[in-house]
Amino acid sequence: MGDETNGDNKNRLDRVEEILEVLVNEHIQFHEEHRQLLKAQVILYDTTQKLAQAQTELAAAQKHTDENLAALIIVVDSIVRRLPPQ
């Protein structure tokens, strides 16, 4: 019973070994791809955090610019209103 063939002249043990080898190789490949995916996830998270920080800084800079522009408008408006009509 241990030397049964199935038309391709391979005994059962040889077929089981071949299937097991394929499964092991597939698992190794899966493990490597999973490791790469985890690494990419960490890099993506870090990049997202940096982007969020940059967006916060940009919002603060925009607020500062808006405040300066408002002050400039007030100064120019007061100068224009003091000029005599021509």
PDB file of N, CA and C in Angstrom:
ATOM      1  N   MET A   1       0.813  -1.188   0.000  1.00  0.00           N
ATOM      2  CA  MET A   1       0.000   0.000   0.000  1.00  0.00           C
ATOM      3  C   MET A   1       0.859   1.256   0.000  1.00  0.00           C
ATOM      4  N   GLY A   2       2.078   1.199   0.532  1.00  0.00           N
ATOM      5  CA  GLY A   2       2.939   2.351   0.571  1.00  0.00           C
ATOM      6  C   GLY A   2       3.533   2.701  -0.784  1.00  0.00           C
ATOM      7  N   ASP A   3       3.522   1.761  -1.741  1.00  0.00           N
ATOM      8  CA  ASP A   3       4.081   2.024  -3.063  1.00  0.00           C
ATOM      9  C   ASP A   3       3.005   2.167  -4.130  1.00  0.00           C
ATOM     10  N   GLU A   4       1.809   2.579  -3.754  1.00  0.00           N
ATOM     11  CA  GLU A   4       0.734   2.727  -4.733  1.00  0.00           C
ATOM     12  C   GLU A   4       1.059   3.861  -5.690  1.00  0.00           C
ATOM     13  N   THR A   5       0.810   3.617  -6.971  1.00  0.00           N
ATOM     14  CA  THR A   5       1.006   4.665  -7.969  1.00  0.00           C
ATOM     15  C   THR A   5      -0.344   5.062  -8.506  1.00  0.00           C
ATOM     16  N   ASN A   6      -0.363   6.244  -9.124  1.00  0.00           N
ATOM     17  CA  ASN A   6      -1.625   6.769  -9.609  1.00  0.00           C
ATOM     18  C   ASN A   6      -1.502   7.127 -11.076  1.00  0.00           C
ATOM     19  N   GLY A   7      -0.873   6.283 -11.861  1.00  0.00           N
ATOM     20  CA  GLY A   7      -0.794   6.474 -13.287  1.00  0.00           C
ATOM     21  C   GLY A   7       0.388   7.322 -13.734  1.00  0.00           C
ATOM     22  N   ASP A   8       1.068   7.983 -12.836  1.00  0.00           N
ATOM     23  CA  ASP A   8       2.202   8.829 -13.241  1.00  0.00           C
ATOM     24  C   ASP A   8       3.516   8.294 -12.679  1.00  0.00           C
ATOM     25  N   ASN A   9       3.494   7.076 -12.249  1.00  0.00           N
ATOM     26  CA  ASN A   9       4.675   6.375 -11.747  1.00  0.00           C
ATOM     27  C   ASN A   9       5.315   7.044 -10.530  1.00  0.00           C
ATOM     28  N   LYS A  10       4.559   7.808  -9.748  1.00  0.00           N
ATOM     29  CA  LYS A  10       5.043   8.398  -8.508  1.00  0.00           C
ATOM     30  C   LYS A  10       4.284   7.755  -7.369  1.00  0.00           C
ATOM     31  N   ASN A  11       5.000   7.369  -6.351  1.00  0.00           N
ATOM     32  CA  ASN A  11       4.286   6.769  -5.228  1.00  0.00           C
ATOM     33  C   ASN A  11       3.665   7.884  -4.382  1.00  0.00           C
ATOM     34  N   ARG A  12       2.819   7.495  -3.486  1.00  0.00           N
ATOM     35  CA  ARG A  12       2.073   8.460  -2.661  1.00  0.00           C
ATOM     36  C   ARG A  12       2.996   9.373  -1.865  1.00  0.00           C
ATOM     37  N   LEU A  13       4.046   8.808  -1.307  1.00  0.00           N
ATOM     38  CA  LEU A  13       4.958   9.609  -0.495  1.00  0.00           C
ATOM     39  C   LEU A  13       5.619  10.704  -1.326  1.00  0.00           C
ATOM     40  N   ASP A  14       5.996  10.380  -2.552  1.00  0.00           N
ATOM     41  CA  ASP A  14       6.594  11.386  -3.435  1.00  0.00           C
ATOM     42  C   ASP A  14       5.600  12.507  -3.723  1.00  0.00           C
ATOM     43  N   ARG A  15       4.355  12.149  -3.982  1.00  0.00           N
ATOM     44  CA  ARG A  15       3.332  13.163  -4.263  1.00  0.00           C
ATOM     45  C   ARG A  15       3.087  14.041  -3.042  1.00  0.00           C
ATOM     46  N   VAL A  16       3.028  13.434  -1.868  1.00  0.00           N
ATOM     47  CA  VAL A  16       2.816  14.196  -0.632  1.00  0.00           C
ATOM     48  C   VAL A  16       4.010  15.120  -0.392  1.00  0.00           C
ATOM     49  N   GLU A  17       5.211  14.623  -0.619  1.00  0.00           N
ATOM     50  CA  GLU A  17       6.405  15.461  -0.443  1.00  0.00           C
ATOM     51  C   GLU A  17       6.390  16.652  -1.397  1.00  0.00           C
ATOM     52  N   GLU A  18       5.992  16.435  -2.644  1.00  0.00           N
ATOM     53  CA  GLU A  18       5.926  17.528  -3.616  1.00  0.00           C
ATOM     54  C   GLU A  18       4.903  18.585  -3.186  1.00  0.00           C
ATOM     55  N   ILE A  19       3.756  18.128  -2.746  1.00  0.00           N
ATOM     56  CA  ILE A  19       2.717  19.060  -2.294  1.00  0.00           C
ATOM     57  C   ILE A  19       3.188  19.818  -1.061  1.00  0.00           C
ATOM     58  N   LEU A  20       3.821  19.109  -0.157  1.00  0.00           N
ATOM     59  CA  LEU A  20       4.339  19.751   1.053  1.00  0.00           C
ATOM     60  C   LEU A  20       5.408  20.788   0.706  1.00  0.00           C
ATOM     61  N   GLU A  21       6.259  20.487  -0.248  1.00  0.00           N
ATOM     62  CA  GLU A  21       7.282  21.437  -0.678  1.00  0.00           C
ATOM     63  C   GLU A  21       6.641  22.691  -1.279  1.00  0.00           C
ATOM     64  N   VAL A  22       5.618  22.515  -2.081  1.00  0.00           N
ATOM     65  CA  VAL A  22       4.906  23.668  -2.652  1.00  0.00           C
ATOM     66  C   VAL A  22       4.280  24.500  -1.541  1.00  0.00           C
ATOM     67  N   LEU A  23       3.660  23.863  -0.584  1.00  0.00           N
ATOM     68  CA  LEU A  23       3.034  24.586   0.527  1.00  0.00           C
ATOM     69  C   LEU A  23       4.058  25.364   1.342  1.00  0.00           C
ATOM     70  N   VAL A  24       5.193  24.745   1.601  1.00  0.00           N
ATOM     71  CA  VAL A  24       6.246  25.425   2.366  1.00  0.00           C
ATOM     72  C   VAL A  24       6.756  26.633   1.586  1.00  0.00           C
ATOM     73  N   ASN A  25       7.015  26.456   0.299  1.00  0.00           N
ATOM     74  CA  ASN A  25       7.488  27.580  -0.522  1.00  0.00           C
ATOM     75  C   ASN A  25       6.459  28.710  -0.582  1.00  0.00           C
ATOM     76  N   GLU A  26       5.201  28.360  -0.716  1.00  0.00           N
ATOM     77  CA  GLU A  26       4.139  29.372  -0.731  1.00  0.00           C
ATOM     78  C   GLU A  26       4.072  30.100   0.608  1.00  0.00           C
ATOM     79  N   HIS A  27       4.250  29.374   1.679  1.00  0.00           N
ATOM     80  CA  HIS A  27       4.213  29.998   3.004  1.00  0.00           C
ATOM     81  C   HIS A  27       5.396  30.954   3.183  1.00  0.00           C
ATOM     82  N   ILE A  28       6.557  30.556   2.720  1.00  0.00           N
ATOM     83  CA  ILE A  28       7.737  31.429   2.807  1.00  0.00           C
ATOM     84  C   ILE A  28       7.500  32.706   2.011  1.00  0.00           C
ATOM     85  N   GLN A  29       6.952  32.560   0.817  1.00  0.00           N
ATOM     86  CA  GLN A  29       6.656  33.734  -0.014  1.00  0.00           C
ATOM     87  C   GLN A  29       5.607  34.614   0.668  1.00  0.00           C
ATOM     88  N   PHE A  30       4.567  34.019   1.218  1.00  0.00           N
ATOM     89  CA  PHE A  30       3.533  34.766   1.927  1.00  0.00           C
ATOM     90  C   PHE A  30       4.139  35.524   3.111  1.00  0.00           C
ATOM     91  N   HIS A  31       5.019  34.859   3.846  1.00  0.00           N
ATOM     92  CA  HIS A  31       5.651  35.482   5.014  1.00  0.00           C
ATOM     93  C   HIS A  31       6.466  36.705   4.586  1.00  0.00           C
ATOM     94  N   GLU A  32       7.210  36.598   3.510  1.00  0.00           N
ATOM     95  CA  GLU A  32       8.018  37.720   3.017  1.00  0.00           C
ATOM     96  C   GLU A  32       7.116  38.873   2.560  1.00  0.00           C
ATOM     97  N   GLU A  33       6.055  38.566   1.844  1.00  0.00           N
ATOM     98  CA  GLU A  33       5.131  39.610   1.388  1.00  0.00           C
ATOM     99  C   GLU A  33       4.440  40.282   2.575  1.00  0.00           C
ATOM    100  N   HIS A  34       4.110  39.508   3.575  1.00  0.00           N
ATOM    101  CA  HIS A  34       3.471  40.055   4.777  1.00  0.00           C
ATOM    102  C   HIS A  34       4.435  40.990   5.501  1.00  0.00           C
ATOM    103  N   ARG A  35       5.707  40.618   5.580  1.00  0.00           N
ATOM    104  CA  ARG A  35       6.715  41.464   6.203  1.00  0.00           C
ATOM    105  C   ARG A  35       6.861  42.780   5.445  1.00  0.00           C
ATOM    106  N   GLN A  36       6.857  42.713   4.128  1.00  0.00           N
ATOM    107  CA  GLN A  36       6.949  43.931   3.314  1.00  0.00           C
ATOM    108  C   GLN A  36       5.719  44.807   3.509  1.00  0.00           C
ATOM    109  N   LEU A  37       4.562  44.201   3.616  1.00  0.00           N
ATOM    110  CA  LEU A  37       3.327  44.950   3.840  1.00  0.00           C
ATOM    111  C   LEU A  37       3.350  45.660   5.185  1.00  0.00           C
ATOM    112  N   LEU A  38       3.821  44.993   6.205  1.00  0.00           N
ATOM    113  CA  LEU A  38       3.922  45.623   7.524  1.00  0.00           C
ATOM    114  C   LEU A  38       4.899  46.796   7.497  1.00  0.00           C
ATOM    115  N   LYS A  39       6.010  46.632   6.801  1.00  0.00           N
ATOM    116  CA  LYS A  39       6.980  47.715   6.679  1.00  0.00           C
ATOM    117  C   LYS A  39       6.351  48.900   5.948  1.00  0.00           C
ATOM    118  N   ALA A  40       5.625  48.646   4.879  1.00  0.00           N
ATOM    119  CA  ALA A  40       4.962  49.717   4.131  1.00  0.00           C
ATOM    120  C   ALA A  40       3.915  50.410   4.993  1.00  0.00           C
ATOM    121  N   GLN A  41       3.230  49.665   5.821  1.00  0.00           N
ATOM    122  CA  GLN A  41       2.224  50.243   6.701  1.00  0.00           C
ATOM    123  C   GLN A  41       2.871  51.198   7.697  1.00  0.00           C
ATOM    124  N   VAL A  42       4.006  50.834   8.238  1.00  0.00           N
ATOM    125  CA  VAL A  42       4.715  51.704   9.188  1.00  0.00           C
ATOM    126  C   VAL A  42       5.170  52.981   8.482  1.00  0.00           C
ATOM    127  N   ILE A  43       5.717  52.844   7.285  1.00  0.00           N
ATOM    128  CA  ILE A  43       6.176  54.012   6.530  1.00  0.00           C
ATOM    129  C   ILE A  43       5.000  54.908   6.189  1.00  0.00           C
ATOM    130  N   LEU A  44       3.887  54.328   5.785  1.00  0.00           N
ATOM    131  CA  LEU A  44       2.691  55.112   5.458  1.00  0.00           C
ATOM    132  C   LEU A  44       2.172  55.856   6.675  1.00  0.00           C
ATOM    133  N   TYR A  45       2.160  55.215   7.832  1.00  0.00           N
ATOM    134  CA  TYR A  45       1.701  55.863   9.057  1.00  0.00           C
ATOM    135  C   TYR A  45       2.606  57.043   9.394  1.00  0.00           C
ATOM    136  N   ASP A  46       3.911  56.846   9.295  1.00  0.00           N
ATOM    137  CA  ASP A  46       4.865  57.914   9.600  1.00  0.00           C
ATOM    138  C   ASP A  46       4.665  59.090   8.645  1.00  0.00           C
ATOM    139  N   THR A  47       4.511  58.800   7.372  1.00  0.00           N
ATOM    140  CA  THR A  47       4.302  59.851   6.377  1.00  0.00           C
ATOM    141  C   THR A  47       2.999  60.591   6.629  1.00  0.00           C
ATOM    142  N   THR A  48       1.967  59.890   7.014  1.00  0.00           N
ATOM    143  CA  THR A  48       0.678  60.520   7.321  1.00  0.00           C
ATOM    144  C   THR A  48       0.808  61.441   8.524  1.00  0.00           C
ATOM    145  N   GLN A  49       1.568  61.033   9.525  1.00  0.00           N
ATOM    146  CA  GLN A  49       1.780  61.881  10.696  1.00  0.00           C
ATOM    147  C   GLN A  49       2.533  63.151  10.319  1.00  0.00           C
ATOM    148  N   LYS A  50       3.539  63.034   9.476  1.00  0.00           N
ATOM    149  CA  LYS A  50       4.287  64.202   9.021  1.00  0.00           C
ATOM    150  C   LYS A  50       3.388  65.138   8.217  1.00  0.00           C
ATOM    151  N   LEU A  51       2.543  64.572   7.381  1.00  0.00           N
ATOM    152  CA  LEU A  51       1.616  65.376   6.588  1.00  0.00           C
ATOM    153  C   LEU A  51       0.628  66.120   7.481  1.00  0.00           C
ATOM    154  N   ALA A  52       0.124  65.470   8.501  1.00  0.00           N
ATOM    155  CA  ALA A  52      -0.795  66.111   9.439  1.00  0.00           C
ATOM    156  C   ALA A  52      -0.100  67.251  10.170  1.00  0.00           C
ATOM    157  N   GLN A  53       1.151  67.058  10.575  1.00  0.00           N
ATOM    158  CA  GLN A  53       1.908  68.116  11.240  1.00  0.00           C
ATOM    159  C   GLN A  53       2.124  69.292  10.298  1.00  0.00           C
ATOM    160  N   ALA A  54       2.471  69.016   9.063  1.00  0.00           N
ATOM    161  CA  ALA A  54       2.681  70.079   8.077  1.00  0.00           C
ATOM    162  C   ALA A  54       1.393  70.851   7.829  1.00  0.00           C
ATOM    163  N   GLN A  55       0.275  70.164   7.800  1.00  0.00           N
ATOM    164  CA  GLN A  55      -1.017  70.821   7.597  1.00  0.00           C
ATOM    165  C   GLN A  55      -1.342  71.734   8.780  1.00  0.00           C
ATOM    166  N   THR A  56      -1.043  71.307   9.992  1.00  0.00           N
ATOM    167  CA  THR A  56      -1.255  72.131  11.181  1.00  0.00           C
ATOM    168  C   THR A  56      -0.386  73.390  11.112  1.00  0.00           C
ATOM    169  N   GLU A  57       0.870  73.217  10.723  1.00  0.00           N
ATOM    170  CA  GLU A  57       1.766  74.364  10.600  1.00  0.00           C
ATOM    171  C   GLU A  57       1.295  75.318   9.513  1.00  0.00           C
ATOM    172  N   LEU A  58       0.802  74.786   8.415  1.00  0.00           N
ATOM    173  CA  LEU A  58       0.289  75.609   7.324  1.00  0.00           C
ATOM    174  C   LEU A  58      -0.930  76.410   7.770  1.00  0.00           C
ATOM    175  N   ALA A  59      -1.799  75.804   8.543  1.00  0.00           N
ATOM    176  CA  ALA A  59      -2.986  76.505   9.049  1.00  0.00           C
ATOM    177  C   ALA A  59      -2.571  77.658   9.952  1.00  0.00           C
ATOM    178  N   ALA A  60      -1.562  77.447  10.795  1.00  0.00           N
ATOM    179  CA  ALA A  60      -1.075  78.519  11.672  1.00  0.00           C
ATOM    180  C   ALA A  60      -0.459  79.640  10.845  1.00  0.00           C
ATOM    181  N   ALA A  61       0.303  79.305   9.833  1.00  0.00           N
ATOM    182  CA  ALA A  61       0.907  80.321   8.971  1.00  0.00           C
ATOM    183  C   ALA A  61      -0.167  81.100   8.210  1.00  0.00           C
ATOM    184  N   GLN A  62      -1.194  80.415   7.761  1.00  0.00           N
ATOM    185  CA  GLN A  62      -2.296  81.082   7.048  1.00  0.00           C
ATOM    186  C   GLN A  62      -3.007  82.060   7.970  1.00  0.00           C
ATOM    187  N   LYS A  63      -3.218  81.671   9.210  1.00  0.00           N
ATOM    188  CA  LYS A  63      -3.863  82.561  10.183  1.00  0.00           C
ATOM    189  C   LYS A  63      -3.004  83.803  10.395  1.00  0.00           C
ATOM    190  N   HIS A  64      -1.706  83.625  10.527  1.00  0.00           N
ATOM    191  CA  HIS A  64      -0.782  84.747  10.708  1.00  0.00           C
ATOM    192  C   HIS A  64      -0.842  85.674   9.492  1.00  0.00           C
ATOM    193  N   THR A  65      -0.864  85.105   8.290  1.00  0.00           N
ATOM    194  CA  THR A  65      -0.953  85.894   7.059  1.00  0.00           C
ATOM    195  C   THR A  65      -2.266  86.665   7.012  1.00  0.00           C
ATOM    196  N   ASP A  66      -3.350  86.034   7.381  1.00  0.00           N
ATOM    197  CA  ASP A  66      -4.654  86.705   7.393  1.00  0.00           C
ATOM    198  C   ASP A  66      -4.654  87.885   8.364  1.00  0.00           C
ATOM    199  N   GLU A  67      -4.051  87.692   9.525  1.00  0.00           N
ATOM    200  CA  GLU A  67      -3.991  88.774  10.514  1.00  0.00           C
ATOM    201  C   GLU A  67      -3.150  89.935   9.984  1.00  0.00           C
ATOM    202  N   ASN A  68      -2.018  89.656   9.367  1.00  0.00           N
ATOM    203  CA  ASN A  68      -1.176  90.705   8.794  1.00  0.00           C
ATOM    204  C   ASN A  68      -1.883  91.431   7.660  1.00  0.00           C
ATOM    205  N   LEU A  69      -2.585  90.707   6.837  1.00  0.00           N
ATOM    206  CA  LEU A  69      -3.326  91.319   5.736  1.00  0.00           C
ATOM    207  C   LEU A  69      -4.430  92.226   6.265  1.00  0.00           C
ATOM    208  N   ALA A  70      -5.125  91.782   7.287  1.00  0.00           N
ATOM    209  CA  ALA A  70      -6.180  92.607   7.880  1.00  0.00           C
ATOM    210  C   ALA A  70      -5.592  93.904   8.442  1.00  0.00           C
ATOM    211  N   ALA A  71      -4.442  93.813   9.089  1.00  0.00           N
ATOM    212  CA  ALA A  71      -3.780  95.011   9.627  1.00  0.00           C
ATOM    213  C   ALA A  71      -3.362  95.945   8.497  1.00  0.00           C
ATOM    214  N   LEU A  72      -2.837  95.401   7.415  1.00  0.00           N
ATOM    215  CA  LEU A  72      -2.436  96.208   6.271  1.00  0.00           C
ATOM    216  C   LEU A  72      -3.640  96.897   5.645  1.00  0.00           C
ATOM    217  N   ILE A  73      -4.742  96.212   5.528  1.00  0.00           N
ATOM    218  CA  ILE A  73      -5.968  96.797   4.971  1.00  0.00           C
ATOM    219  C   ILE A  73      -6.419  97.979   5.821  1.00  0.00           C
ATOM    220  N   ILE A  74      -6.357  97.836   7.125  1.00  0.00           N
ATOM    221  CA  ILE A  74      -6.757  98.923   8.026  1.00  0.00           C
ATOM    222  C   ILE A  74      -5.850 100.141   7.823  1.00  0.00           C
ATOM    223  N   VAL A  75      -4.541  99.921   7.734  1.00  0.00           N
ATOM    224  CA  VAL A  75      -3.589 101.026   7.537  1.00  0.00           C
ATOM    225  C   VAL A  75      -3.836 101.721   6.204  1.00  0.00           C
ATOM    226  N   VAL A  76      -3.955 100.951   5.138  1.00  0.00           N
ATOM    227  CA  VAL A  76      -4.174 101.540   3.807  1.00  0.00           C
ATOM    228  C   VAL A  76      -5.507 102.267   3.774  1.00  0.00           C
ATOM    229  N   ASP A  77      -6.528 101.683   4.370  1.00  0.00           N
ATOM    230  CA  ASP A  77      -7.842 102.318   4.390  1.00  0.00           C
ATOM    231  C   ASP A  77      -7.780 103.660   5.116  1.00  0.00           C
ATOM    232  N   SER A  78      -7.074 103.726   6.234  1.00  0.00           N
ATOM    233  CA  SER A  78      -6.985 104.990   6.968  1.00  0.00           C
ATOM    234  C   SER A  78      -6.206 106.033   6.179  1.00  0.00           C
ATOM    235  N   ILE A  79      -5.185 105.612   5.430  1.00  0.00           N
ATOM    236  CA  ILE A  79      -4.427 106.546   4.598  1.00  0.00           C
ATOM    237  C   ILE A  79      -5.301 107.073   3.460  1.00  0.00           C
ATOM    238  N   VAL A  80      -6.018 106.203   2.811  1.00  0.00           N
ATOM    239  CA  VAL A  80      -6.863 106.591   1.681  1.00  0.00           C
ATOM    240  C   VAL A  80      -7.978 107.524   2.143  1.00  0.00           C
ATOM    241  N   ARG A  81      -8.550 107.304   3.278  1.00  0.00           N
ATOM    242  CA  ARG A  81      -9.647 108.137   3.759  1.00  0.00           C
ATOM    243  C   ARG A  81      -9.153 109.528   4.162  1.00  0.00           C
ATOM    244  N   ARG A  82      -7.890 109.693   4.518  1.00  0.00           N
ATOM    245  CA  ARG A  82      -7.361 110.984   4.896  1.00  0.00           C
ATOM    246  C   ARG A  82      -6.976 111.850   3.703  1.00  0.00           C
ATOM    247  N   LEU A  83      -6.776 111.230   2.572  1.00  0.00           N
ATOM    248  CA  LEU A  83      -6.393 112.004   1.392  1.00  0.00           C
ATOM    249  C   LEU A  83      -7.561 112.872   0.930  1.00  0.00           C
ATOM    250  N   PRO A  84      -7.278 114.103   0.543  1.00  0.00           N
ATOM    251  CA  PRO A  84      -8.351 114.953   0.032  1.00  0.00           C
ATOM    252  C   PRO A  84      -8.828 114.489  -1.332  1.00  0.00           C
ATOM    253  N   PRO A  85     -10.089 114.633  -1.618  1.00  0.00           N
ATOM    254  CA  PRO A  85     -10.609 114.218  -2.939  1.00  0.00           C
ATOM    255  C   PRO A  85      -9.992 115.068  -4.043  1.00  0.00           C
ATOM    256  N   GLN A  86      -9.801 114.500  -5.171  1.00  0.00           N
ATOM    257  CA  GLN A  86      -9.194 115.239  -6.282  1.00  0.00           C
ATOM    258  C   GLN A  86     -10.182 115.566  -7.348  1.00  0.00           C
TER     259      GLN A  86
END
